[in-house]
Amino acid sequence: MAIIMGLHNLLTVAALTLLPALELRASIPWGILAAGEPWLMVLIVAVLANIALGPIIYFCLDKFVNIVTKVKFIEDIYRFLVKRTQKRAEQAIEKYGFLGITLFVAVPLPGSGSWTGALAAYLMGLGYKRFVLANTIGVIIAGILVTALTLLGTSAYAMVA
């Protein structure tokens, strides 16, 4: 029964990780604190799920854009927005593109992560392979940070309580 409960909890960790507003910021603390699963197992499951998420989002964005831009006025709006975004970010992409996306994904704050990192990389024209690597490194850093903060918080609470 404990194995089934553990599997259910780890699947819940993976599911929470896939949600846009939550990702690692919620799934790791939930897995460790609420579900009581071993921190290393929670970290591995959450990081693997989040690493897989980024390329899927990037790929789906490309397919979605190809479908909706078949409508002429949507294509015109899209091209305008993308060109404006790329023009504004051109120097930053050349200088910080890979590192910028990596750090953006790595910072475990609301509004950052694989979902928005994929969108930003796609709009800025960062290639798929470069995004996948940036996302992977960023997710690993974010997972370690969130796990460390969660464990540090529980240790600090235990010392006070």
C-alpha atoms as a PDB file:
ATOM      1  CA  MET A   1       0.000   0.000   0.000  1.00  0.00           C
ATOM      2  CA  ALA A   2       2.871   2.387   0.786  1.00  0.00           C
ATOM      3  CA  ILE A   3       4.364   1.811  -2.670  1.00  0.00           C
ATOM      4  CA  ILE A   4       1.057   2.686  -4.344  1.00  0.00           C
ATOM      5  CA  MET A   5       0.735   5.815  -2.188  1.00  0.00           C
ATOM      6  CA  GLY A   6       4.308   6.821  -3.021  1.00  0.00           C
ATOM      7  CA  LEU A   7       3.682   6.320  -6.741  1.00  0.00           C
ATOM      8  CA  HIS A   8       0.474   8.363  -6.528  1.00  0.00           C
ATOM      9  CA  ASN A   9       2.324  11.159  -4.729  1.00  0.00           C
ATOM     10  CA  LEU A  10       5.140  11.192  -7.278  1.00  0.00           C
ATOM     11  CA  LEU A  11       2.644  11.293 -10.156  1.00  0.00           C
ATOM     12  CA  THR A  12       1.017  14.252  -8.399  1.00  0.00           C
ATOM     13  CA  VAL A  13       4.437  15.926  -8.175  1.00  0.00           C
ATOM     14  CA  ALA A  14       4.877  15.428 -11.930  1.00  0.00           C
ATOM     15  CA  ALA A  15       1.371  16.759 -12.637  1.00  0.00           C
ATOM     16  CA  LEU A  16       1.891  19.863 -10.477  1.00  0.00           C
ATOM     17  CA  THR A  17       5.180  20.481 -12.266  1.00  0.00           C
ATOM     18  CA  LEU A  18       3.381  20.649 -15.614  1.00  0.00           C
ATOM     19  CA  LEU A  19       0.979  23.418 -14.526  1.00  0.00           C
ATOM     20  CA  PRO A  20       1.961  26.871 -15.849  1.00  0.00           C
ATOM     21  CA  ALA A  21       1.738  28.901 -12.662  1.00  0.00           C
ATOM     22  CA  LEU A  22       3.128  26.211 -10.375  1.00  0.00           C
ATOM     23  CA  GLU A  23       5.927  24.168 -11.961  1.00  0.00           C
ATOM     24  CA  LEU A  24       8.808  23.334  -9.571  1.00  0.00           C
ATOM     25  CA  ARG A  25       7.935  26.176  -7.197  1.00  0.00           C
ATOM     26  CA  ALA A  26       4.915  24.226  -5.976  1.00  0.00           C
ATOM     27  CA  SER A  27       5.556  20.593  -6.826  1.00  0.00           C
ATOM     28  CA  ILE A  28       8.778  20.171  -4.873  1.00  0.00           C
ATOM     29  CA  PRO A  29       7.521  21.720  -1.599  1.00  0.00           C
ATOM     30  CA  TRP A  30       4.278  19.757  -1.942  1.00  0.00           C
ATOM     31  CA  GLY A  31       6.102  16.469  -2.523  1.00  0.00           C
ATOM     32  CA  ILE A  32       8.482  16.973   0.389  1.00  0.00           C
ATOM     33  CA  LEU A  33       6.241  18.730   2.920  1.00  0.00           C
ATOM     34  CA  ALA A  34       2.681  17.622   2.200  1.00  0.00           C
ATOM     35  CA  ALA A  35       3.254  14.175   0.721  1.00  0.00           C
ATOM     36  CA  GLY A  36       6.296  13.346   2.851  1.00  0.00           C
ATOM     37  CA  GLU A  37       8.206  11.754  -0.013  1.00  0.00           C
ATOM     38  CA  PRO A  38      12.019  11.574   0.054  1.00  0.00           C
ATOM     39  CA  TRP A  39      13.470  14.861  -1.187  1.00  0.00           C
ATOM     40  CA  LEU A  40      15.791  13.254  -3.731  1.00  0.00           C
ATOM     41  CA  MET A  41      12.965  11.319  -5.377  1.00  0.00           C
ATOM     42  CA  VAL A  42      10.774  14.441  -5.473  1.00  0.00           C
ATOM     43  CA  LEU A  43      13.624  16.456  -6.987  1.00  0.00           C
ATOM     44  CA  ILE A  44      14.290  13.865  -9.698  1.00  0.00           C
ATOM     45  CA  VAL A  45      10.626  13.476 -10.682  1.00  0.00           C
ATOM     46  CA  ALA A  46       9.943  17.226 -10.711  1.00  0.00           C
ATOM     47  CA  VAL A  47      13.094  18.079 -12.659  1.00  0.00           C
ATOM     48  CA  LEU A  48      12.527  15.359 -15.280  1.00  0.00           C
ATOM     49  CA  ALA A  49       8.899  16.414 -15.767  1.00  0.00           C
ATOM     50  CA  ASN A  50       9.878  20.081 -16.052  1.00  0.00           C
ATOM     51  CA  ILE A  51      12.752  19.356 -18.449  1.00  0.00           C
ATOM     52  CA  ALA A  52      10.325  17.462 -20.710  1.00  0.00           C
ATOM     53  CA  LEU A  53       7.787  20.292 -20.538  1.00  0.00           C
ATOM     54  CA  GLY A  54       9.921  23.016 -22.141  1.00  0.00           C
ATOM     55  CA  PRO A  55      10.566  21.352 -25.512  1.00  0.00           C
ATOM     56  CA  ILE A  56       6.920  20.268 -25.738  1.00  0.00           C
ATOM     57  CA  ILE A  57       5.733  23.853 -25.207  1.00  0.00           C
ATOM     58  CA  TYR A  58       8.262  25.206 -27.726  1.00  0.00           C
ATOM     59  CA  PHE A  59       7.222  22.592 -30.301  1.00  0.00           C
ATOM     60  CA  CYS A  60       3.497  23.226 -29.727  1.00  0.00           C
ATOM     61  CA  LEU A  61       4.004  26.985 -30.035  1.00  0.00           C
ATOM     62  CA  ASP A  62       5.519  26.476 -33.447  1.00  0.00           C
ATOM     63  CA  LYS A  63       2.633  24.275 -34.594  1.00  0.00           C
ATOM     64  CA  PHE A  64       0.031  26.638 -33.092  1.00  0.00           C
ATOM     65  CA  VAL A  65       1.591  29.679 -34.775  1.00  0.00           C
ATOM     66  CA  ASN A  66       1.727  27.865 -38.129  1.00  0.00           C
ATOM     67  CA  ILE A  67      -1.997  27.085 -37.869  1.00  0.00           C
ATOM     68  CA  VAL A  68      -3.315  30.464 -36.697  1.00  0.00           C
ATOM     69  CA  THR A  69      -1.132  32.528 -39.041  1.00  0.00           C
ATOM     70  CA  LYS A  70      -2.947  31.010 -42.010  1.00  0.00           C
ATOM     71  CA  VAL A  71      -5.496  33.769 -41.323  1.00  0.00           C
ATOM     72  CA  LYS A  72      -4.042  36.868 -42.999  1.00  0.00           C
ATOM     73  CA  PHE A  73      -4.829  39.505 -40.327  1.00  0.00           C
ATOM     74  CA  ILE A  74      -3.528  37.238 -37.557  1.00  0.00           C
ATOM     75  CA  GLU A  75      -0.365  36.654 -39.571  1.00  0.00           C
ATOM     76  CA  ASP A  76       0.093  40.415 -39.975  1.00  0.00           C
ATOM     77  CA  ILE A  77      -0.337  41.009 -36.237  1.00  0.00           C
ATOM     78  CA  TYR A  78       1.955  38.117 -35.379  1.00  0.00           C
ATOM     79  CA  ARG A  79       4.695  39.232 -37.759  1.00  0.00           C
ATOM     80  CA  PHE A  80       4.502  42.785 -36.380  1.00  0.00           C
ATOM     81  CA  LEU A  81       4.741  41.602 -32.767  1.00  0.00           C
ATOM     82  CA  VAL A  82       7.548  39.132 -33.425  1.00  0.00           C
ATOM     83  CA  LYS A  83       9.591  41.591 -35.468  1.00  0.00           C
ATOM     84  CA  ARG A  84       9.155  44.247 -32.789  1.00  0.00           C
ATOM     85  CA  THR A  85      10.120  41.800 -30.040  1.00  0.00           C
ATOM     86  CA  GLN A  86      13.118  40.500 -31.968  1.00  0.00           C
ATOM     87  CA  LYS A  87      14.264  44.009 -32.888  1.00  0.00           C
ATOM     88  CA  ARG A  88      14.096  45.128 -29.250  1.00  0.00           C
ATOM     89  CA  ALA A  89      15.821  42.007 -28.035  1.00  0.00           C
ATOM     90  CA  GLU A  90      18.297  41.493 -30.880  1.00  0.00           C
ATOM     91  CA  GLN A  91      21.390  42.684 -28.991  1.00  0.00           C
ATOM     92  CA  ALA A  92      20.319  40.910 -25.837  1.00  0.00           C
ATOM     93  CA  ILE A  93      19.779  37.680 -27.769  1.00  0.00           C
ATOM     94  CA  GLU A  94      23.190  37.901 -29.382  1.00  0.00           C
ATOM     95  CA  LYS A  95      24.805  38.745 -26.072  1.00  0.00           C
ATOM     96  CA  TYR A  96      22.662  36.907 -23.486  1.00  0.00           C
ATOM     97  CA  GLY A  97      20.274  34.669 -25.491  1.00  0.00           C
ATOM     98  CA  PHE A  98      21.308  31.272 -24.209  1.00  0.00           C
ATOM     99  CA  LEU A  99      22.435  32.484 -20.785  1.00  0.00           C
ATOM    100  CA  GLY A 100      19.431  34.791 -20.466  1.00  0.00           C
ATOM    101  CA  ILE A 101      16.929  32.006 -21.104  1.00  0.00           C
ATOM    102  CA  THR A 102      18.874  29.667 -18.813  1.00  0.00           C
ATOM    103  CA  LEU A 103      18.748  32.173 -15.950  1.00  0.00           C
ATOM    104  CA  PHE A 104      15.123  33.048 -16.682  1.00  0.00           C
ATOM    105  CA  VAL A 105      14.138  29.393 -16.353  1.00  0.00           C
ATOM    106  CA  ALA A 106      16.435  28.910 -13.331  1.00  0.00           C
ATOM    107  CA  VAL A 107      14.958  31.676 -11.173  1.00  0.00           C
ATOM    108  CA  PRO A 108      12.089  30.046  -9.273  1.00  0.00           C
ATOM    109  CA  LEU A 109       9.789  33.084  -9.190  1.00  0.00           C
ATOM    110  CA  PRO A 110       6.244  33.496 -10.523  1.00  0.00           C
ATOM    111  CA  GLY A 111       6.316  34.349 -14.202  1.00  0.00           C
ATOM    112  CA  SER A 112       9.521  32.447 -14.892  1.00  0.00           C
ATOM    113  CA  GLY A 113      10.125  28.807 -15.692  1.00  0.00           C
ATOM    114  CA  SER A 114       9.768  26.456 -18.643  1.00  0.00           C
ATOM    115  CA  TRP A 115       6.414  27.778 -19.856  1.00  0.00           C
ATOM    116  CA  THR A 116       7.455  31.400 -20.174  1.00  0.00           C
ATOM    117  CA  GLY A 117      11.036  30.481 -21.041  1.00  0.00           C
ATOM    118  CA  ALA A 118       9.768  28.524 -24.059  1.00  0.00           C
ATOM    119  CA  LEU A 119       7.574  31.427 -25.125  1.00  0.00           C
ATOM    120  CA  ALA A 120      10.392  33.947 -24.739  1.00  0.00           C
ATOM    121  CA  ALA A 121      12.885  31.731 -26.570  1.00  0.00           C
ATOM    122  CA  TYR A 122      10.433  31.148 -29.401  1.00  0.00           C
ATOM    123  CA  LEU A 123       9.566  34.825 -29.814  1.00  0.00           C
ATOM    124  CA  MET A 124      13.201  35.908 -29.609  1.00  0.00           C
ATOM    125  CA  GLY A 125      14.222  33.389 -32.240  1.00  0.00           C
ATOM    126  CA  LEU A 126      16.444  31.248 -30.041  1.00  0.00           C
ATOM    127  CA  GLY A 127      16.710  27.918 -31.855  1.00  0.00           C
ATOM    128  CA  TYR A 128      15.049  24.757 -30.597  1.00  0.00           C
ATOM    129  CA  LYS A 129      18.277  22.931 -29.707  1.00  0.00           C
ATOM    130  CA  ARG A 130      19.709  25.939 -27.862  1.00  0.00           C
ATOM    131  CA  PHE A 131      16.433  26.355 -25.975  1.00  0.00           C
ATOM    132  CA  VAL A 132      16.345  22.671 -24.980  1.00  0.00           C
ATOM    133  CA  LEU A 133      19.839  22.933 -23.501  1.00  0.00           C
ATOM    134  CA  ALA A 134      19.105  26.279 -21.790  1.00  0.00           C
ATOM    135  CA  ASN A 135      15.853  24.888 -20.395  1.00  0.00           C
ATOM    136  CA  THR A 136      17.545  21.723 -19.103  1.00  0.00           C
ATOM    137  CA  ILE A 137      20.282  23.642 -17.285  1.00  0.00           C
ATOM    138  CA  GLY A 138      17.794  26.198 -15.947  1.00  0.00           C
ATOM    139  CA  VAL A 139      15.392  23.535 -14.666  1.00  0.00           C
ATOM    140  CA  ILE A 140      18.187  21.666 -12.882  1.00  0.00           C
ATOM    141  CA  ILE A 141      19.303  24.893 -11.175  1.00  0.00           C
ATOM    142  CA  ALA A 142      15.706  25.791 -10.240  1.00  0.00           C
ATOM    143  CA  GLY A 143      15.065  22.294  -8.887  1.00  0.00           C
ATOM    144  CA  ILE A 144      18.157  22.417  -6.689  1.00  0.00           C
ATOM    145  CA  LEU A 145      17.275  25.924  -5.441  1.00  0.00           C
ATOM    146  CA  VAL A 146      13.660  25.053  -4.600  1.00  0.00           C
ATOM    147  CA  THR A 147      14.668  21.795  -2.916  1.00  0.00           C
ATOM    148  CA  ALA A 148      17.388  23.526  -0.876  1.00  0.00           C
ATOM    149  CA  LEU A 149      15.016  26.305   0.181  1.00  0.00           C
ATOM    150  CA  THR A 150      12.330  23.791   1.126  1.00  0.00           C
ATOM    151  CA  LEU A 151      14.754  21.698   3.195  1.00  0.00           C
ATOM    152  CA  LEU A 152      16.311  24.799   4.731  1.00  0.00           C
ATOM    153  CA  GLY A 153      12.872  26.094   5.672  1.00  0.00           C
ATOM    154  CA  THR A 154      11.876  22.824   7.335  1.00  0.00           C
ATOM    155  CA  SER A 155      15.177  22.719   9.235  1.00  0.00           C
ATOM    156  CA  ALA A 156      14.763  26.300  10.422  1.00  0.00           C
ATOM    157  CA  TYR A 157      11.188  25.574  11.507  1.00  0.00           C
ATOM    158  CA  ALA A 158      12.288  22.449  13.383  1.00  0.00           C
ATOM    159  CA  MET A 159      14.925  24.471  15.257  1.00  0.00           C
ATOM    160  CA  VAL A 160      12.366  27.108  16.301  1.00  0.00           C
ATOM    161  CA  ALA A 161       9.552  24.701  17.167  1.00  0.00           C
END
